[in-house]
Amino acid sequence: MTFCYLQIEHKCSMIQFTKGGEFLRKVKAISKRNKLTYRWTPERGAGSHGTLYLGDRFTVVKDLKKELGPGLLADMCKQLGIRKEDL
């Protein structure tokens, strides 16, 4: 009797922790590829936070030197209308 094993893999987006500054650079590259306006306003936020505008959407980015958790990163991408996989 021969047995055949089927390997099932769960595919999910593997997003590494990203720092705020790296996120800005990646979104800037996306804006160039998609010909969208990009604007970073560090003054429009509390403390070390700032506002990132991409086209007609925006999100608040926390400290550029700190890591963004996967949940926060997903929310920011959703607010900007981009896919996490494009980062």
PDB file of N, CA and C in Angstrom:
ATOM      1  N   MET A   1       0.851  -1.169   0.000  1.00  0.00           N
ATOM      2  CA  MET A   1       0.000   0.000   0.000  1.00  0.00           C
ATOM      3  C   MET A   1       0.901   1.237   0.000  1.00  0.00           C
ATOM      4  N   THR A   2       0.625   2.206  -0.862  1.00  0.00           N
ATOM      5  CA  THR A   2       1.400   3.429  -0.974  1.00  0.00           C
ATOM      6  C   THR A   2       0.594   4.585  -0.403  1.00  0.00           C
ATOM      7  N   PHE A   3       1.282   5.376   0.395  1.00  0.00           N
ATOM      8  CA  PHE A   3       0.627   6.545   0.981  1.00  0.00           C
ATOM      9  C   PHE A   3       1.122   7.805   0.293  1.00  0.00           C
ATOM     10  N   CYS A   4       0.229   8.706   0.064  1.00  0.00           N
ATOM     11  CA  CYS A   4       0.574   9.999  -0.520  1.00  0.00           C
ATOM     12  C   CYS A   4       0.206  11.064   0.499  1.00  0.00           C
ATOM     13  N   TYR A   5       1.163  11.901   0.817  1.00  0.00           N
ATOM     14  CA  TYR A   5       0.927  12.964   1.793  1.00  0.00           C
ATOM     15  C   TYR A   5       0.753  14.287   1.063  1.00  0.00           C
ATOM     16  N   LEU A   6      -0.237  14.993   1.452  1.00  0.00           N
ATOM     17  CA  LEU A   6      -0.502  16.310   0.898  1.00  0.00           C
ATOM     18  C   LEU A   6      -0.101  17.346   1.924  1.00  0.00           C
ATOM     19  N   GLN A   7       0.777  18.215   1.515  1.00  0.00           N
ATOM     20  CA  GLN A   7       1.226  19.263   2.436  1.00  0.00           C
ATOM     21  C   GLN A   7       0.383  20.505   2.196  1.00  0.00           C
ATOM     22  N   ILE A   8      -0.261  20.938   3.239  1.00  0.00           N
ATOM     23  CA  ILE A   8      -1.103  22.136   3.143  1.00  0.00           C
ATOM     24  C   ILE A   8      -0.404  23.260   3.870  1.00  0.00           C
ATOM     25  N   GLU A   9      -0.204  24.336   3.151  1.00  0.00           N
ATOM     26  CA  GLU A   9       0.444  25.501   3.745  1.00  0.00           C
ATOM     27  C   GLU A   9      -0.555  26.632   3.831  1.00  0.00           C
ATOM     28  N   HIS A  10      -0.504  27.314   4.930  1.00  0.00           N
ATOM     29  CA  HIS A  10      -1.348  28.494   5.105  1.00  0.00           C
ATOM     30  C   HIS A  10      -0.551  29.705   4.659  1.00  0.00           C
ATOM     31  N   LYS A  11      -1.014  30.362   3.629  1.00  0.00           N
ATOM     32  CA  LYS A  11      -0.300  31.529   3.126  1.00  0.00           C
ATOM     33  C   LYS A  11      -0.925  32.780   3.715  1.00  0.00           C
ATOM     34  N   CYS A  12      -0.113  33.574   4.334  1.00  0.00           N
ATOM     35  CA  CYS A  12      -0.581  34.852   4.849  1.00  0.00           C
ATOM     36  C   CYS A  12       0.504  35.870   4.543  1.00  0.00           C
ATOM     37  N   SER A  13       0.136  37.099   4.535  1.00  0.00           N
ATOM     38  CA  SER A  13       1.121  38.125   4.227  1.00  0.00           C
ATOM     39  C   SER A  13       2.114  38.222   5.374  1.00  0.00           C
ATOM     40  N   MET A  14       3.346  38.056   5.055  1.00  0.00           N
ATOM     41  CA  MET A  14       4.408  38.113   6.053  1.00  0.00           C
ATOM     42  C   MET A  14       4.973  39.533   6.057  1.00  0.00           C
ATOM     43  N   ILE A  15       4.451  40.350   6.889  1.00  0.00           N
ATOM     44  CA  ILE A  15       4.901  41.718   7.001  1.00  0.00           C
ATOM     45  C   ILE A  15       5.833  41.807   8.195  1.00  0.00           C
ATOM     46  N   GLN A  16       7.050  42.203   7.910  1.00  0.00           N
ATOM     47  CA  GLN A  16       8.000  42.373   8.996  1.00  0.00           C
ATOM     48  C   GLN A  16       7.691  43.688   9.694  1.00  0.00           C
ATOM     49  N   PHE A  17       8.192  43.805  10.889  1.00  0.00           N
ATOM     50  CA  PHE A  17       8.026  45.063  11.596  1.00  0.00           C
ATOM     51  C   PHE A  17       8.807  46.129  10.840  1.00  0.00           C
ATOM     52  N   THR A  18       8.191  47.252  10.620  1.00  0.00           N
ATOM     53  CA  THR A  18       8.770  48.335   9.852  1.00  0.00           C
ATOM     54  C   THR A  18       8.850  49.567  10.727  1.00  0.00           C
ATOM     55  N   LYS A  19       9.936  50.303  10.596  1.00  0.00           N
ATOM     56  CA  LYS A  19      10.043  51.575  11.309  1.00  0.00           C
ATOM     57  C   LYS A  19       9.261  52.638  10.544  1.00  0.00           C
ATOM     58  N   GLY A  20       8.878  53.688  11.253  1.00  0.00           N
ATOM     59  CA  GLY A  20       8.085  54.746  10.636  1.00  0.00           C
ATOM     60  C   GLY A  20       8.770  55.387   9.443  1.00  0.00           C
ATOM     61  N   GLY A  21      10.081  55.635   9.544  1.00  0.00           N
ATOM     62  CA  GLY A  21      10.817  56.256   8.447  1.00  0.00           C
ATOM     63  C   GLY A  21      10.878  55.365   7.219  1.00  0.00           C
ATOM     64  N   GLU A  22      11.028  54.069   7.439  1.00  0.00           N
ATOM     65  CA  GLU A  22      11.052  53.113   6.333  1.00  0.00           C
ATOM     66  C   GLU A  22       9.677  53.054   5.658  1.00  0.00           C
ATOM     67  N   PHE A  23       8.620  53.127   6.462  1.00  0.00           N
ATOM     68  CA  PHE A  23       7.265  53.153   5.921  1.00  0.00           C
ATOM     69  C   PHE A  23       7.072  54.358   5.003  1.00  0.00           C
ATOM     70  N   LEU A  24       7.574  55.518   5.423  1.00  0.00           N
ATOM     71  CA  LEU A  24       7.455  56.715   4.597  1.00  0.00           C
ATOM     72  C   LEU A  24       8.168  56.535   3.254  1.00  0.00           C
ATOM     73  N   ARG A  25       9.371  55.967   3.282  1.00  0.00           N
ATOM     74  CA  ARG A  25      10.127  55.751   2.041  1.00  0.00           C
ATOM     75  C   ARG A  25       9.393  54.804   1.096  1.00  0.00           C
ATOM     76  N   LYS A  26       8.819  53.738   1.660  1.00  0.00           N
ATOM     77  CA  LYS A  26       8.107  52.774   0.829  1.00  0.00           C
ATOM     78  C   LYS A  26       6.844  53.367   0.227  1.00  0.00           C
ATOM     79  N   VAL A  27       6.124  54.146   1.014  1.00  0.00           N
ATOM     80  CA  VAL A  27       4.903  54.785   0.504  1.00  0.00           C
ATOM     81  C   VAL A  27       5.261  55.821  -0.561  1.00  0.00           C
ATOM     82  N   LYS A  28       6.385  56.502  -0.388  1.00  0.00           N
ATOM     83  CA  LYS A  28       6.827  57.478  -1.395  1.00  0.00           C
ATOM     84  C   LYS A  28       7.095  56.778  -2.718  1.00  0.00           C
ATOM     85  N   ALA A  29       7.705  55.600  -2.677  1.00  0.00           N
ATOM     86  CA  ALA A  29       7.958  54.833  -3.899  1.00  0.00           C
ATOM     87  C   ALA A  29       6.641  54.400  -4.552  1.00  0.00           C
ATOM     88  N   ILE A  30       5.671  54.005  -3.722  1.00  0.00           N
ATOM     89  CA  ILE A  30       4.354  53.625  -4.249  1.00  0.00           C
ATOM     90  C   ILE A  30       3.693  54.821  -4.912  1.00  0.00           C
ATOM     91  N   SER A  31       3.846  56.005  -4.309  1.00  0.00           N
ATOM     92  CA  SER A  31       3.226  57.207  -4.881  1.00  0.00           C
ATOM     93  C   SER A  31       3.827  57.538  -6.245  1.00  0.00           C
ATOM     94  N   LYS A  32       5.127  57.326  -6.391  1.00  0.00           N
ATOM     95  CA  LYS A  32       5.760  57.586  -7.696  1.00  0.00           C
ATOM     96  C   LYS A  32       5.285  56.597  -8.748  1.00  0.00           C
ATOM     97  N   ARG A  33       5.190  55.313  -8.351  1.00  0.00           N
ATOM     98  CA  ARG A  33       4.736  54.282  -9.301  1.00  0.00           C
ATOM     99  C   ARG A  33       3.310  54.534  -9.765  1.00  0.00           C
ATOM    100  N   ASN A  34       2.464  54.974  -8.847  1.00  0.00           N
ATOM    101  CA  ASN A  34       1.046  55.170  -9.153  1.00  0.00           C
ATOM    102  C   ASN A  34       0.688  56.610  -9.488  1.00  0.00           C
ATOM    103  N   LYS A  35       1.695  57.475  -9.552  1.00  0.00           N
ATOM    104  CA  LYS A  35       1.501  58.894  -9.884  1.00  0.00           C
ATOM    105  C   LYS A  35       0.475  59.562  -8.965  1.00  0.00           C
ATOM    106  N   LEU A  36       0.680  59.351  -7.653  1.00  0.00           N
ATOM    107  CA  LEU A  36      -0.171  59.970  -6.634  1.00  0.00           C
ATOM    108  C   LEU A  36       0.625  61.046  -5.911  1.00  0.00           C
ATOM    109  N   THR A  37      -0.062  62.045  -5.402  1.00  0.00           N
ATOM    110  CA  THR A  37       0.627  63.070  -4.629  1.00  0.00           C
ATOM    111  C   THR A  37       1.015  62.499  -3.271  1.00  0.00           C
ATOM    112  N   TYR A  38       2.188  62.910  -2.794  1.00  0.00           N
ATOM    113  CA  TYR A  38       2.737  62.441  -1.526  1.00  0.00           C
ATOM    114  C   TYR A  38       3.162  63.659  -0.730  1.00  0.00           C
ATOM    115  N   ARG A  39       2.728  63.720   0.516  1.00  0.00           N
ATOM    116  CA  ARG A  39       3.131  64.846   1.365  1.00  0.00           C
ATOM    117  C   ARG A  39       3.247  64.372   2.801  1.00  0.00           C
ATOM    118  N   TRP A  40       4.357  64.694   3.423  1.00  0.00           N
ATOM    119  CA  TRP A  40       4.614  64.371   4.831  1.00  0.00           C
ATOM    120  C   TRP A  40       4.610  65.667   5.608  1.00  0.00           C
ATOM    121  N   THR A  41       3.777  65.755   6.639  1.00  0.00           N
ATOM    122  CA  THR A  41       3.676  66.947   7.462  1.00  0.00           C
ATOM    123  C   THR A  41       3.964  66.567   8.908  1.00  0.00           C
ATOM    124  N   PRO A  42       5.221  66.737   9.356  1.00  0.00           N
ATOM    125  CA  PRO A  42       5.550  66.351  10.727  1.00  0.00           C
ATOM    126  C   PRO A  42       4.908  67.239  11.787  1.00  0.00           C
ATOM    127  N   GLU A  43       4.527  68.453  11.435  1.00  0.00           N
ATOM    128  CA  GLU A  43       3.942  69.377  12.412  1.00  0.00           C
ATOM    129  C   GLU A  43       2.509  69.000  12.771  1.00  0.00           C
ATOM    130  N   ARG A  44       1.831  68.267  11.882  1.00  0.00           N
ATOM    131  CA  ARG A  44       0.419  67.937  12.108  1.00  0.00           C
ATOM    132  C   ARG A  44       0.262  66.653  12.876  1.00  0.00           C
ATOM    133  N   GLY A  45       0.737  66.644  14.079  1.00  0.00           N
ATOM    134  CA  GLY A  45       0.595  65.464  14.915  1.00  0.00           C
ATOM    135  C   GLY A  45       1.043  65.793  16.328  1.00  0.00           C
ATOM    136  N   ALA A  46       0.660  64.978  17.262  1.00  0.00           N
ATOM    137  CA  ALA A  46       1.039  65.213  18.655  1.00  0.00           C
ATOM    138  C   ALA A  46       2.407  64.600  18.925  1.00  0.00           C
ATOM    139  N   GLY A  47       3.276  65.350  19.548  1.00  0.00           N
ATOM    140  CA  GLY A  47       4.602  64.835  19.897  1.00  0.00           C
ATOM    141  C   GLY A  47       5.420  64.495  18.672  1.00  0.00           C
ATOM    142  N   SER A  48       5.817  63.239  18.547  1.00  0.00           N
ATOM    143  CA  SER A  48       6.650  62.814  17.430  1.00  0.00           C
ATOM    144  C   SER A  48       5.822  62.280  16.263  1.00  0.00           C
ATOM    145  N   HIS A  49       4.515  62.407  16.324  1.00  0.00           N
ATOM    146  CA  HIS A  49       3.642  61.941  15.255  1.00  0.00           C
ATOM    147  C   HIS A  49       3.580  62.968  14.133  1.00  0.00           C
ATOM    148  N   GLY A  50       3.222  62.508  12.948  1.00  0.00           N
ATOM    149  CA  GLY A  50       3.029  63.392  11.810  1.00  0.00           C
ATOM    150  C   GLY A  50       1.963  62.818  10.903  1.00  0.00           C
ATOM    151  N   THR A  51       1.553  63.595   9.919  1.00  0.00           N
ATOM    152  CA  THR A  51       0.505  63.162   9.007  1.00  0.00           C
ATOM    153  C   THR A  51       1.090  62.908   7.632  1.00  0.00           C
ATOM    154  N   LEU A  52       0.737  61.775   7.056  1.00  0.00           N
ATOM    155  CA  LEU A  52       1.161  61.391   5.721  1.00  0.00           C
ATOM    156  C   LEU A  52      -0.045  61.437   4.801  1.00  0.00           C
ATOM    157  N   TYR A  53       0.081  62.185   3.727  1.00  0.00           N
ATOM    158  CA  TYR A  53      -0.986  62.295   2.734  1.00  0.00           C
ATOM    159  C   TYR A  53      -0.560  61.544   1.477  1.00  0.00           C
ATOM    160  N   LEU A  54      -1.449  60.718   0.959  1.00  0.00           N
ATOM    161  CA  LEU A  54      -1.214  59.989  -0.280  1.00  0.00           C
ATOM    162  C   LEU A  54      -2.456  60.148  -1.136  1.00  0.00           C
ATOM    163  N   GLY A  55      -2.340  60.927  -2.172  1.00  0.00           N
ATOM    164  CA  GLY A  55      -3.515  61.249  -2.983  1.00  0.00           C
ATOM    165  C   GLY A  55      -4.503  62.028  -2.143  1.00  0.00           C
ATOM    166  N   ASP A  56      -5.735  61.562  -2.078  1.00  0.00           N
ATOM    167  CA  ASP A  56      -6.757  62.247  -1.269  1.00  0.00           C
ATOM    168  C   ASP A  56      -6.974  61.564   0.082  1.00  0.00           C
ATOM    169  N   ARG A  57      -6.072  60.656   0.465  1.00  0.00           N
ATOM    170  CA  ARG A  57      -6.178  59.940   1.742  1.00  0.00           C
ATOM    171  C   ARG A  57      -5.045  60.348   2.668  1.00  0.00           C
ATOM    172  N   PHE A  58      -5.204  60.054   3.956  1.00  0.00           N
ATOM    173  CA  PHE A  58      -4.134  60.378   4.895  1.00  0.00           C
ATOM    174  C   PHE A  58      -4.147  59.410   6.072  1.00  0.00           C
ATOM    175  N   THR A  59      -3.020  59.362   6.766  1.00  0.00           N
ATOM    176  CA  THR A  59      -2.891  58.581   7.988  1.00  0.00           C
ATOM    177  C   THR A  59      -1.888  59.267   8.901  1.00  0.00           C
ATOM    178  N   VAL A  60      -1.959  58.965  10.170  1.00  0.00           N
ATOM    179  CA  VAL A  60      -1.018  59.514  11.142  1.00  0.00           C
ATOM    180  C   VAL A  60       0.072  58.467  11.379  1.00  0.00           C
ATOM    181  N   VAL A  61       1.323  58.904  11.288  1.00  0.00           N
ATOM    182  CA  VAL A  61       2.470  58.019  11.496  1.00  0.00           C
ATOM    183  C   VAL A  61       3.118  58.394  12.817  1.00  0.00           C
ATOM    184  N   LYS A  62       3.392  57.373  13.639  1.00  0.00           N
ATOM    185  CA  LYS A  62       4.027  57.667  14.918  1.00  0.00           C
ATOM    186  C   LYS A  62       5.523  57.864  14.714  1.00  0.00           C
ATOM    187  N   ASP A  63       6.280  57.947  15.773  1.00  0.00           N
ATOM    188  CA  ASP A  63       7.713  58.216  15.755  1.00  0.00           C
ATOM    189  C   ASP A  63       8.415  57.460  14.630  1.00  0.00           C
ATOM    190  N   LEU A  64       9.182  58.168  13.805  1.00  0.00           N
ATOM    191  CA  LEU A  64       9.839  57.589  12.642  1.00  0.00           C
ATOM    192  C   LEU A  64      10.924  56.584  13.015  1.00  0.00           C
ATOM    193  N   LYS A  65      11.423  56.651  14.236  1.00  0.00           N
ATOM    194  CA  LYS A  65      12.512  55.769  14.650  1.00  0.00           C
ATOM    195  C   LYS A  65      12.010  54.496  15.333  1.00  0.00           C
ATOM    196  N   LYS A  66      10.724  54.429  15.606  1.00  0.00           N
ATOM    197  CA  LYS A  66      10.168  53.276  16.317  1.00  0.00           C
ATOM    198  C   LYS A  66       9.486  52.311  15.348  1.00  0.00           C
ATOM    199  N   GLU A  67       9.415  51.066  15.794  1.00  0.00           N
ATOM    200  CA  GLU A  67       8.783  50.012  15.001  1.00  0.00           C
ATOM    201  C   GLU A  67       7.262  50.198  14.973  1.00  0.00           C
ATOM    202  N   LEU A  68       6.678  49.877  13.831  1.00  0.00           N
ATOM    203  CA  LEU A  68       5.227  49.857  13.685  1.00  0.00           C
ATOM    204  C   LEU A  68       4.783  48.406  13.807  1.00  0.00           C
ATOM    205  N   GLY A  69       3.872  48.128  14.686  1.00  0.00           N
ATOM    206  CA  GLY A  69       3.375  46.769  14.851  1.00  0.00           C
ATOM    207  C   GLY A  69       2.549  46.340  13.651  1.00  0.00           C
ATOM    208  N   PRO A  70       2.317  45.046  13.505  1.00  0.00           N
ATOM    209  CA  PRO A  70       1.592  44.557  12.334  1.00  0.00           C
ATOM    210  C   PRO A  70       0.155  45.071  12.257  1.00  0.00           C
ATOM    211  N   GLY A  71      -0.521  45.233  13.383  1.00  0.00           N
ATOM    212  CA  GLY A  71      -1.887  45.748  13.366  1.00  0.00           C
ATOM    213  C   GLY A  71      -1.943  47.206  12.954  1.00  0.00           C
ATOM    214  N   LEU A  72      -1.043  48.002  13.521  1.00  0.00           N
ATOM    215  CA  LEU A  72      -0.981  49.424  13.173  1.00  0.00           C
ATOM    216  C   LEU A  72      -0.604  49.592  11.709  1.00  0.00           C
ATOM    217  N   LEU A  73       0.347  48.804  11.236  1.00  0.00           N
ATOM    218  CA  LEU A  73       0.770  48.867   9.840  1.00  0.00           C
ATOM    219  C   LEU A  73      -0.383  48.533   8.911  1.00  0.00           C
ATOM    220  N   ALA A  74      -1.154  47.517   9.254  1.00  0.00           N
ATOM    221  CA  ALA A  74      -2.311  47.132   8.436  1.00  0.00           C
ATOM    222  C   ALA A  74      -3.347  48.248   8.404  1.00  0.00           C
ATOM    223  N   ASP A  75      -3.602  48.869   9.554  1.00  0.00           N
ATOM    224  CA  ASP A  75      -4.573  49.968   9.614  1.00  0.00           C
ATOM    225  C   ASP A  75      -4.112  51.167   8.786  1.00  0.00           C
ATOM    226  N   MET A  76      -2.822  51.486   8.864  1.00  0.00           N
ATOM    227  CA  MET A  76      -2.305  52.631   8.108  1.00  0.00           C
ATOM    228  C   MET A  76      -2.398  52.375   6.606  1.00  0.00           C
ATOM    229  N   CYS A  77      -2.093  51.164   6.185  1.00  0.00           N
ATOM    230  CA  CYS A  77      -2.206  50.818   4.765  1.00  0.00           C
ATOM    231  C   CYS A  77      -3.654  50.919   4.308  1.00  0.00           C
ATOM    232  N   LYS A  78      -4.561  50.452   5.148  1.00  0.00           N
ATOM    233  CA  LYS A  78      -5.983  50.516   4.817  1.00  0.00           C
ATOM    234  C   LYS A  78      -6.440  51.966   4.678  1.00  0.00           C
ATOM    235  N   GLN A  79      -5.985  52.826   5.586  1.00  0.00           N
ATOM    236  CA  GLN A  79      -6.359  54.238   5.528  1.00  0.00           C
ATOM    237  C   GLN A  79      -5.824  54.909   4.269  1.00  0.00           C
ATOM    238  N   LEU A  80      -4.655  54.465   3.790  1.00  0.00           N
ATOM    239  CA  LEU A  80      -4.067  55.056   2.588  1.00  0.00           C
ATOM    240  C   LEU A  80      -4.569  54.395   1.307  1.00  0.00           C
ATOM    241  N   GLY A  81      -5.261  53.261   1.440  1.00  0.00           N
ATOM    242  CA  GLY A  81      -5.778  52.569   0.271  1.00  0.00           C
ATOM    243  C   GLY A  81      -4.705  51.794  -0.493  1.00  0.00           C
ATOM    244  N   ILE A  82      -3.696  51.306   0.230  1.00  0.00           N
ATOM    245  CA  ILE A  82      -2.642  50.510  -0.402  1.00  0.00           C
ATOM    246  C   ILE A  82      -2.640  49.117   0.224  1.00  0.00           C
ATOM    247  N   ARG A  83      -2.014  48.183  -0.472  1.00  0.00           N
ATOM    248  CA  ARG A  83      -1.912  46.827   0.053  1.00  0.00           C
ATOM    249  C   ARG A  83      -0.621  46.681   0.827  1.00  0.00           C
ATOM    250  N   LYS A  84      -0.657  45.910   1.901  1.00  0.00           N
ATOM    251  CA  LYS A  84       0.555  45.673   2.701  1.00  0.00           C
ATOM    252  C   LYS A  84       1.607  44.975   1.857  1.00  0.00           C
ATOM    253  N   GLU A  85       1.168  44.138   0.936  1.00  0.00           N
ATOM    254  CA  GLU A  85       2.092  43.389   0.095  1.00  0.00           C
ATOM    255  C   GLU A  85       2.909  44.303  -0.819  1.00  0.00           C
ATOM    256  N   ASP A  86       2.390  45.485  -1.127  1.00  0.00           N
ATOM    257  CA  ASP A  86       3.088  46.428  -2.012  1.00  0.00           C
ATOM    258  C   ASP A  86       4.238  47.131  -1.317  1.00  0.00           C
ATOM    259  N   LEU A  87       4.265  47.043  -0.004  1.00  0.00           N
ATOM    260  CA  LEU A  87       5.368  47.667   0.733  1.00  0.00           C
ATOM    261  C   LEU A  87       6.599  46.839   0.536  1.00  0.00           C
TER     262      LEU A  87
END
